[in-house]
Structures are given as C-alpha cells and as structure tokens.
C-alpha cells in the first residue's frame, strides 16, 4: 500500500522545500516504503485530511493519519519493524530529540533569515501574500530587512555548527556508520536552505559539506532530485 505524504511546495510543485517534510521524505526512503506525494501549498495546509494538523508533513498510511515529522518517524519504526530502523532503539530516539532541539535552535533561525525573500518568491500570489504577512508579523519588520543581516551572521552560524563538525571527525554520520533519523533532521534543515536560496551556507571545504553531500546521495540520490537554487 502506498503512503500519502502531504509535502509543502510553492508555485513549482517539483521543488518541495520544507525542512520537516524533507525529514519525512528521507525517513520513508530509509524504510523503503512506497510513497505518493501530495503537493500542498501554505493556504491548503488547514484542509489536509480534514484539518488533521496546522502544519505539514502529514502522512496517510491506510486508515492511519500521522502529523509531525518526529511522530511520523516514530510511527514508521513501530509500524514497519522489519525494515531498516530510524532510531536503533530508545537511545537513538533520545539522541534524535536532542538533535531536533539543537537544529531548531541553531540552524533553523539562521536559514530562515537567509531564505525569507527567496521563499516568498517561490510562492504563487495568494501564498506569497500570506507568507509575507505572517512572517513580517513574526519578525516585526519587512522580509528584506531581515535578510539584509544574513552576511553579518554567516561566520557566527558556521562557528555554531562546530559540535556537528567535531562529531563527524569520528564517524561518517550522526547515527554512526550509517544514517539514522538524527541525520535526516539536520539534513532537512540544510536542504531547506539549498532548495530555497543560492546563498552558500557552508564552505566547500567544511566536513559538514562532505556529510551533506553523502546525505544527498542516500537512497538513490533522492535529495539531489531537486536541484539547488540558482
């Protein structure tokens, strides 16, 4: 049975950009499960599965509807224990929770700053209006004013990634010798930036860049199927 994945897109349905949806895309591929994506724009999210969630990703697996990328990953490991694990036990779940919090507090704020105007430009007219109004209310200033500070914040952002950089000196993935959901959490955040904006988040020589390239190649190169923003 094919799982439905409601995936956030802009006017181009072939360029899904949500970091959280990318986590789920990678988790489903990790499990080797058949997926049908349902392209979903911001203003369509409240109608997904009868209002099942205020955000995507949302999946439907038969009669089961699950929202939130972490909850989806937990569900997939529980529902499909015979397929490759996303957590490798309770310790992996705890690790992934920590990585999720670290990513949300360290990576997401800066990537959002970098990509705000690019994300706005990816939307059709009604969704662009929604995006601008909601984000300008959140930041208390125009999108262009927020993005204007991205160059000044780049060095501090790269320095804040040192815990990940140091970890990757010991092992090829956050999960160890092979990726786990913890990897997909950070991958999703950086893929968000890659798909949305041509702004270079990482130096080419950074070990995190090498890790990210390995993640792009996972599962038949599913991450590369969407080209980087130009």
Protein backbone atom coordinates (compact mmCIF):
# COMPACT_ATOMS: atom_id res chain seq x y z
CA UNK A 1 0.00 0.00 0.00
CA UNK A 2 1.31 3.43 -0.93
CA UNK A 3 1.69 6.02 1.81
CA UNK A 4 0.44 9.53 1.06
CA UNK A 5 2.79 12.35 2.05
CA UNK A 6 1.49 15.91 2.07
CA UNK A 7 4.56 17.87 1.02
CA UNK A 8 4.95 21.66 1.17
CA UNK A 9 5.59 23.35 -2.19
CA UNK A 10 5.37 26.77 -3.81
CA UNK A 11 4.23 27.56 -7.33
CA UNK A 12 6.60 24.85 -8.64
CA UNK A 13 5.29 21.51 -7.39
CA UNK A 14 8.63 19.90 -8.24
CA UNK A 15 10.53 21.93 -5.62
CA UNK A 16 9.41 20.85 -2.15
CA UNK A 17 11.28 22.96 0.39
CA UNK A 18 10.04 22.31 3.92
CA UNK A 19 12.78 21.07 6.26
CA UNK A 20 10.24 18.99 8.14
CA UNK A 21 8.82 17.41 5.01
CA UNK A 22 12.36 16.59 3.89
CA UNK A 23 12.91 14.73 7.17
CA UNK A 24 9.87 12.62 6.40
CA UNK A 25 10.84 12.11 2.76
CA UNK A 26 14.19 10.75 3.88
CA UNK A 27 12.64 8.63 6.62
CA UNK A 28 10.22 7.00 4.18
CA UNK A 29 13.06 6.33 1.74
CA UNK A 30 15.18 4.90 4.57
CA UNK A 31 12.33 2.48 5.26
CA UNK A 32 12.00 1.64 1.57
CA UNK A 33 8.29 2.42 1.58
CA UNK A 34 6.23 3.35 -1.48
CA UNK A 35 5.14 6.98 -1.33
CA UNK A 36 2.79 9.20 -3.28
CA UNK A 37 3.41 12.88 -2.62
CA UNK A 38 0.54 15.34 -2.45
CA UNK A 39 1.91 18.80 -3.29
CA UNK A 40 0.49 21.20 -0.71
CA UNK A 41 0.78 24.99 -0.51
CA UNK A 42 0.63 27.06 2.67
CA UNK A 43 -3.01 28.05 2.28
CA UNK A 44 -4.01 24.42 1.62
CA UNK A 45 -2.48 23.04 4.81
CA UNK A 46 -5.56 23.64 7.02
CA UNK A 47 -7.60 21.42 4.67
CA UNK A 48 -5.21 18.46 4.74
CA UNK A 49 -7.01 15.32 5.90
CA UNK A 50 -9.94 17.34 7.19
CA UNK A 51 -7.79 19.66 9.28
CA UNK A 52 -5.62 16.98 10.88
CA UNK A 53 -2.78 19.41 11.55
CA UNK A 54 -1.85 23.07 11.33
CA UNK A 55 1.42 22.10 9.66
CA UNK A 56 2.88 19.53 7.28
CA UNK A 57 4.22 16.90 6.91
CA UNK A 58 1.19 14.72 7.31
CA UNK A 59 1.04 11.14 6.12
CA UNK A 60 -1.84 8.77 5.50
CA UNK A 61 -0.96 5.09 5.77
CA UNK A 62 -4.17 3.18 5.13
CA UNK A 63 -6.58 4.32 7.81
CA UNK A 64 -3.86 5.94 9.92
CA UNK A 65 -3.13 9.66 9.67
CA UNK A 66 0.01 10.94 11.40
CA UNK A 67 1.24 14.54 11.63
CA UNK A 68 4.65 15.96 12.69
CA UNK A 69 7.92 14.67 11.30
CA UNK A 70 9.17 13.18 14.57
CA UNK A 71 5.84 11.47 15.29
CA UNK A 72 5.85 10.10 11.75
CA UNK A 73 9.34 8.65 12.22
CA UNK A 74 8.30 7.00 15.49
CA UNK A 75 5.22 5.59 13.78
CA UNK A 76 7.22 4.22 10.85
CA UNK A 77 9.63 2.38 13.14
CA UNK A 78 6.73 0.93 15.11
CA UNK A 79 4.59 0.01 12.11
CA UNK A 80 7.44 -1.40 9.99
CA UNK A 81 9.90 -3.02 12.43
CA UNK A 82 11.15 -5.43 9.75
CA UNK A 83 12.58 -2.55 7.70
CA UNK A 84 15.74 -0.54 8.48
CA UNK A 85 15.42 1.26 11.79
CA UNK A 86 15.32 5.03 12.03
CA UNK A 87 16.39 5.13 15.68
CA UNK A 88 18.17 1.86 16.61
CA UNK A 89 16.40 1.77 19.97
CA UNK A 90 15.44 4.16 22.74
CA UNK A 91 18.91 5.70 22.86
CA UNK A 92 18.56 6.70 19.24
CA UNK A 93 15.19 8.28 19.97
CA UNK A 94 16.71 10.32 22.79
CA UNK A 95 19.63 11.32 20.53
CA UNK A 96 17.22 12.41 17.81
CA UNK A 97 15.22 14.53 20.27
CA UNK A 98 18.39 16.34 21.27
CA UNK A 99 19.44 16.83 17.64
CA UNK A 100 15.96 18.12 16.79
CA UNK A 101 16.12 20.74 19.54
CA UNK A 102 19.68 21.71 18.57
CA UNK A 103 18.75 22.03 14.91
CA UNK A 104 15.63 24.07 15.64
CA UNK A 105 17.54 26.47 17.88
CA UNK A 106 20.84 26.67 15.99
CA UNK A 107 20.24 26.01 12.28
CA UNK A 108 16.63 26.96 11.58
CA UNK A 109 16.73 30.59 12.75
CA UNK A 110 19.67 31.46 10.53
CA UNK A 111 18.45 29.53 7.47
CA UNK A 112 15.12 31.31 7.77
CA UNK A 113 16.97 34.63 7.87
CA UNK A 114 18.93 33.67 4.75
CA UNK A 115 16.00 32.40 2.72
CA UNK A 116 12.99 34.55 3.64
CA UNK A 117 12.76 36.57 0.44
CA UNK A 118 13.63 33.54 -1.70
CA UNK A 119 10.89 31.51 -0.02
CA UNK A 120 8.48 34.38 -0.64
CA UNK A 121 9.40 34.42 -4.32
CA UNK A 122 8.75 30.67 -4.59
CA UNK A 123 5.04 31.16 -3.84
CA UNK A 124 2.14 31.97 -6.10
CA UNK A 125 0.42 35.31 -5.49
CA UNK A 126 -2.06 34.33 -2.73
CA UNK A 127 0.51 32.26 -0.86
CA UNK A 128 3.17 34.95 -1.26
CA UNK A 129 0.81 37.46 0.35
CA UNK A 130 0.14 35.04 3.21
CA UNK A 131 3.84 34.31 3.65
CA UNK A 132 4.83 37.98 3.74
CA UNK A 133 2.09 38.96 6.18
CA UNK A 134 2.68 36.07 8.57
CA UNK A 135 6.48 36.32 8.57
CA UNK A 136 6.58 40.10 8.86
CA UNK A 137 4.26 39.82 11.84
CA UNK A 138 6.60 37.19 13.35
CA UNK A 139 9.78 39.23 12.81
CA UNK A 140 8.31 42.67 13.33
CA UNK A 141 9.93 44.02 10.18
CA UNK A 142 9.92 43.62 6.41
CA UNK A 143 11.36 40.43 4.95
CA UNK A 144 14.01 42.42 3.13
CA UNK A 145 15.23 43.95 6.40
CA UNK A 146 15.61 40.51 7.96
CA UNK A 147 17.52 39.09 5.00
CA UNK A 148 19.83 42.13 4.90
CA UNK A 149 21.59 40.82 8.04
CA UNK A 150 22.48 37.40 6.65
CA UNK A 151 26.05 38.23 5.58
CA UNK A 152 26.85 39.61 9.01
CA UNK A 153 25.61 36.44 10.68
CA UNK A 154 27.33 33.87 8.47
CA UNK A 155 30.57 33.46 10.45
CA UNK A 156 28.70 33.01 13.72
CA UNK A 157 26.39 30.47 12.11
CA UNK A 158 29.26 28.39 10.79
CA UNK A 159 31.01 28.54 14.16
CA UNK A 160 27.84 27.35 15.91
CA UNK A 161 27.99 24.13 13.87
CA UNK A 162 31.27 23.06 15.49
CA UNK A 163 29.62 20.31 17.63
CA UNK A 164 28.45 18.63 14.42
CA UNK A 165 31.78 19.22 12.71
CA UNK A 166 33.62 17.65 15.64
CA UNK A 167 31.27 14.66 15.73
CA UNK A 168 31.83 13.98 12.04
CA UNK A 169 35.56 13.75 12.69
CA UNK A 170 34.82 10.47 14.47
CA UNK A 171 32.16 8.94 12.24
CA UNK A 172 30.60 9.40 8.78
CA UNK A 173 27.07 10.07 10.05
CA UNK A 174 25.45 11.45 13.18
CA UNK A 175 23.96 7.98 13.61
CA UNK A 176 27.41 6.38 13.40
CA UNK A 177 28.49 4.25 10.47
CA UNK A 178 25.09 4.65 8.81
CA UNK A 179 22.45 7.38 8.91
CA UNK A 180 19.59 7.47 11.39
CA UNK A 181 16.70 9.90 11.79
CA UNK A 182 19.05 12.26 13.63
CA UNK A 183 20.90 12.74 10.33
CA UNK A 184 17.70 13.47 8.47
CA UNK A 185 16.78 16.17 10.99
CA UNK A 186 19.91 18.19 10.22
CA UNK A 187 19.81 17.26 6.53
CA UNK A 188 16.26 18.63 6.30
CA UNK A 189 17.34 21.98 7.71
CA UNK A 190 20.26 22.34 5.29
CA UNK A 191 18.26 21.01 2.34
CA UNK A 192 15.69 23.72 3.06
CA UNK A 193 18.41 26.29 2.52
CA UNK A 194 19.80 24.50 -0.54
CA UNK A 195 16.43 24.29 -2.31
CA UNK A 196 15.21 27.75 -1.36
CA UNK A 197 18.23 30.02 -1.75
CA UNK A 198 21.50 30.23 -3.69
CA UNK A 199 23.16 31.73 -0.59
CA UNK A 200 26.08 29.48 0.42
CA UNK A 201 25.57 28.32 3.98
CA UNK A 202 28.71 26.18 4.22
CA UNK A 203 32.23 26.44 2.90
CA UNK A 204 33.08 23.81 0.27
CA UNK A 205 35.95 22.50 2.40
CA UNK A 206 33.80 22.04 5.51
CA UNK A 207 33.45 18.46 6.75
CA UNK A 208 29.74 19.18 7.19
CA UNK A 209 29.56 19.84 3.47
CA UNK A 210 31.04 16.38 2.84
CA UNK A 211 28.47 14.83 5.18
CA UNK A 212 25.67 16.75 3.46
CA UNK A 213 26.85 15.50 0.07
CA UNK A 214 26.75 11.93 1.40
CA UNK A 215 23.19 12.53 2.56
CA UNK A 216 22.21 13.89 -0.85
CA UNK A 217 23.42 10.61 -2.34
CA UNK A 218 21.43 8.40 0.04
CA UNK A 219 18.50 6.29 -1.18
CA UNK A 220 19.25 6.62 -4.85
CA UNK A 221 20.11 10.30 -4.59
CA UNK A 222 16.61 11.35 -3.62
CA UNK A 223 17.92 14.60 -2.18
CA UNK A 224 19.54 15.54 -5.48
CA UNK A 225 16.31 15.06 -7.43
CA UNK A 226 15.53 18.65 -6.53
CA UNK A 227 18.25 20.91 -7.89
CA UNK A 228 19.89 23.53 -5.70
CA UNK A 229 18.54 27.05 -6.05
CA UNK A 230 20.40 29.12 -8.60
